[in-house]
Amino acid sequence: MISHRDNNTQRIAALDERAEALKLKRGMGIADARAMHPSIDVVEADPEADRRLLEGLADWCDRYTPLVAIDGEDGLFLDVTGCTHLFGGERAMQDEILTRF
């Protein structure tokens, strides 16, 4: 689970499937989450590291299309127009990306 500071409160910023199964929610205070489940692991968000990772993923995606853009804080946009045939079509390209990722 990843936390971020919201004023003077640490809140859940992102969580995995295990945390969701525990009924924890994004935006919930870490103190409340720990009251429910004292043994949860919490890591402080690192926006700069996230940005570097996203930039690295964007560079990695150049193998699929020359038109890759970062979309917001957590997304990538790939314009694959004219590129999918090089991978055997859209579905094959998607499978290739998911296999490598």
C-alpha atoms as a PDB file:
ATOM      1  CA  MET A   1       0.000   0.000   0.000  1.00  0.00           C
ATOM      2  CA  ILE A   2       1.255   3.484  -0.828  1.00  0.00           C
ATOM      3  CA  SER A   3       0.449   6.544   1.249  1.00  0.00           C
ATOM      4  CA  HIS A   4       0.583  10.276   0.689  1.00  0.00           C
ATOM      5  CA  ARG A   5       0.256  13.237   3.008  1.00  0.00           C
ATOM      6  CA  ASP A   6      -3.020  15.158   2.840  1.00  0.00           C
ATOM      7  CA  ASN A   7      -2.648  18.190   5.104  1.00  0.00           C
ATOM      8  CA  ASN A   8      -1.636  16.558   8.406  1.00  0.00           C
ATOM      9  CA  THR A   9      -2.992  13.108   7.617  1.00  0.00           C
ATOM     10  CA  GLN A  10      -1.367  10.149   5.897  1.00  0.00           C
ATOM     11  CA  ARG A  11      -3.869   8.637   3.464  1.00  0.00           C
ATOM     12  CA  ILE A  12      -3.924   5.595   1.223  1.00  0.00           C
ATOM     13  CA  ALA A  13      -2.921   6.682  -2.276  1.00  0.00           C
ATOM     14  CA  ALA A  14      -2.778   3.252  -3.930  1.00  0.00           C
ATOM     15  CA  LEU A  15      -3.395  -0.290  -2.842  1.00  0.00           C
ATOM     16  CA  ASP A  16      -3.075  -3.802  -4.141  1.00  0.00           C
ATOM     17  CA  GLU A  17      -5.603  -6.615  -4.373  1.00  0.00           C
ATOM     18  CA  ARG A  18      -4.765  -7.911  -0.897  1.00  0.00           C
ATOM     19  CA  ALA A  19      -5.480  -4.508   0.639  1.00  0.00           C
ATOM     20  CA  GLU A  20      -8.723  -4.244  -1.319  1.00  0.00           C
ATOM     21  CA  ALA A  21      -9.713  -7.684  -0.023  1.00  0.00           C
ATOM     22  CA  LEU A  22      -9.243  -6.285   3.497  1.00  0.00           C
ATOM     23  CA  LYS A  23     -11.854  -3.624   2.600  1.00  0.00           C
ATOM     24  CA  LEU A  24      -9.306  -0.809   2.643  1.00  0.00           C
ATOM     25  CA  LYS A  25     -10.067   2.071   0.299  1.00  0.00           C
ATOM     26  CA  ARG A  26      -8.109   4.745  -1.495  1.00  0.00           C
ATOM     27  CA  GLY A  27      -8.269   7.979   0.509  1.00  0.00           C
ATOM     28  CA  MET A  28      -8.714   6.196   3.837  1.00  0.00           C
ATOM     29  CA  GLY A  29      -6.500   7.450   6.640  1.00  0.00           C
ATOM     30  CA  ILE A  30      -3.532   5.226   7.459  1.00  0.00           C
ATOM     31  CA  ALA A  31      -4.423   5.392  11.167  1.00  0.00           C
ATOM     32  CA  ASP A  32      -7.898   4.022  10.392  1.00  0.00           C
ATOM     33  CA  ALA A  33      -6.456   1.331   8.138  1.00  0.00           C
ATOM     34  CA  ARG A  34      -3.972   0.270  10.820  1.00  0.00           C
ATOM     35  CA  ALA A  35      -6.740   0.216  13.432  1.00  0.00           C
ATOM     36  CA  MET A  36      -8.511  -2.339  11.245  1.00  0.00           C
ATOM     37  CA  HIS A  37      -5.370  -4.255  10.230  1.00  0.00           C
ATOM     38  CA  PRO A  38      -2.309  -3.462  12.381  1.00  0.00           C
ATOM     39  CA  SER A  39       0.111  -5.531  10.298  1.00  0.00           C
ATOM     40  CA  ILE A  40      -0.372  -3.748   6.962  1.00  0.00           C
ATOM     41  CA  ASP A  41       2.726  -2.541   5.137  1.00  0.00           C
ATOM     42  CA  VAL A  42       2.727   1.101   4.081  1.00  0.00           C
ATOM     43  CA  VAL A  43       5.243   2.841   1.832  1.00  0.00           C
ATOM     44  CA  GLU A  44       5.412   6.611   1.384  1.00  0.00           C
ATOM     45  CA  ALA A  45       4.642   7.772  -2.151  1.00  0.00           C
ATOM     46  CA  ASP A  46       7.616   8.988  -4.189  1.00  0.00           C
ATOM     47  CA  PRO A  47       6.234  11.067  -7.082  1.00  0.00           C
ATOM     48  CA  GLU A  48       9.691  11.751  -8.531  1.00  0.00           C
ATOM     49  CA  ALA A  49      10.506   8.031  -8.663  1.00  0.00           C
ATOM     50  CA  ASP A  50       7.091   7.380 -10.203  1.00  0.00           C
ATOM     51  CA  ARG A  51       7.813   9.996 -12.863  1.00  0.00           C
ATOM     52  CA  ARG A  52      11.210   8.456 -13.660  1.00  0.00           C
ATOM     53  CA  LEU A  53       9.607   5.026 -13.953  1.00  0.00           C
ATOM     54  CA  LEU A  54       6.903   6.371 -16.265  1.00  0.00           C
ATOM     55  CA  GLU A  55       9.531   8.063 -18.433  1.00  0.00           C
ATOM     56  CA  GLY A  56      11.448   4.781 -18.586  1.00  0.00           C
ATOM     57  CA  LEU A  57       8.312   2.910 -19.608  1.00  0.00           C
ATOM     58  CA  ALA A  58       7.660   5.520 -22.288  1.00  0.00           C
ATOM     59  CA  ASP A  59      11.174   4.991 -23.650  1.00  0.00           C
ATOM     60  CA  TRP A  60      10.638   1.221 -23.561  1.00  0.00           C
ATOM     61  CA  CYS A  61       7.413   1.622 -25.561  1.00  0.00           C
ATOM     62  CA  ASP A  62       9.362   3.184 -28.445  1.00  0.00           C
ATOM     63  CA  ARG A  63       9.829  -0.385 -29.680  1.00  0.00           C
ATOM     64  CA  TYR A  64       6.122  -0.386 -30.574  1.00  0.00           C
ATOM     65  CA  THR A  65       5.599   3.110 -31.960  1.00  0.00           C
ATOM     66  CA  PRO A  66       7.577   6.332 -32.298  1.00  0.00           C
ATOM     67  CA  LEU A  67       4.567   8.248 -30.963  1.00  0.00           C
ATOM     68  CA  VAL A  68       4.577   7.747 -27.198  1.00  0.00           C
ATOM     69  CA  ALA A  69       3.454  10.411 -24.752  1.00  0.00           C
ATOM     70  CA  ILE A  70       3.093  10.587 -21.000  1.00  0.00           C
ATOM     71  CA  ASP A  71      -0.564  11.095 -20.118  1.00  0.00           C
ATOM     72  CA  GLY A  72      -1.029  12.765 -16.758  1.00  0.00           C
ATOM     73  CA  GLU A  73       0.774  11.491 -13.684  1.00  0.00           C
ATOM     74  CA  ASP A  74       0.206   7.809 -14.280  1.00  0.00           C
ATOM     75  CA  GLY A  75      -0.526   7.048 -17.900  1.00  0.00           C
ATOM     76  CA  LEU A  76       0.989   6.538 -21.299  1.00  0.00           C
ATOM     77  CA  PHE A  77      -0.529   7.202 -24.683  1.00  0.00           C
ATOM     78  CA  LEU A  78       0.733   5.163 -27.620  1.00  0.00           C
ATOM     79  CA  ASP A  79      -0.410   6.096 -31.115  1.00  0.00           C
ATOM     80  CA  VAL A  80       0.039   2.768 -32.873  1.00  0.00           C
ATOM     81  CA  THR A  81      -1.523   3.874 -36.151  1.00  0.00           C
ATOM     82  CA  GLY A  82       0.400   2.155 -38.927  1.00  0.00           C
ATOM     83  CA  CYS A  83       2.463   0.050 -36.509  1.00  0.00           C
ATOM     84  CA  THR A  84       0.248  -2.855 -35.510  1.00  0.00           C
ATOM     85  CA  HIS A  85       0.837  -4.818 -38.710  1.00  0.00           C
ATOM     86  CA  LEU A  86       4.508  -5.100 -37.736  1.00  0.00           C
ATOM     87  CA  PHE A  87       3.416  -7.261 -34.804  1.00  0.00           C
ATOM     88  CA  GLY A  88       0.711  -9.250 -36.575  1.00  0.00           C
ATOM     89  CA  GLY A  89      -2.207  -6.969 -35.684  1.00  0.00           C
ATOM     90  CA  GLU A  90      -3.560  -5.182 -32.633  1.00  0.00           C
ATOM     91  CA  ARG A  91      -4.245  -8.312 -30.576  1.00  0.00           C
ATOM     92  CA  ALA A  92      -0.792  -9.740 -31.291  1.00  0.00           C
ATOM     93  CA  MET A  93       0.792  -6.399 -30.395  1.00  0.00           C
ATOM     94  CA  GLN A  94      -1.138  -6.300 -27.134  1.00  0.00           C
ATOM     95  CA  ASP A  95      -0.075  -9.856 -26.326  1.00  0.00           C
ATOM     96  CA  GLU A  96       3.547  -8.944 -27.080  1.00  0.00           C
ATOM     97  CA  ILE A  97       3.410  -5.942 -24.733  1.00  0.00           C
ATOM     98  CA  LEU A  98       1.770  -7.910 -21.932  1.00  0.00           C
ATOM     99  CA  THR A  99       4.243 -10.776 -22.315  1.00  0.00           C
ATOM    100  CA  ARG A 100       7.259  -8.472 -22.146  1.00  0.00           C
ATOM    101  CA  PHE A 101       5.834  -6.329 -19.380  1.00  0.00           C
END
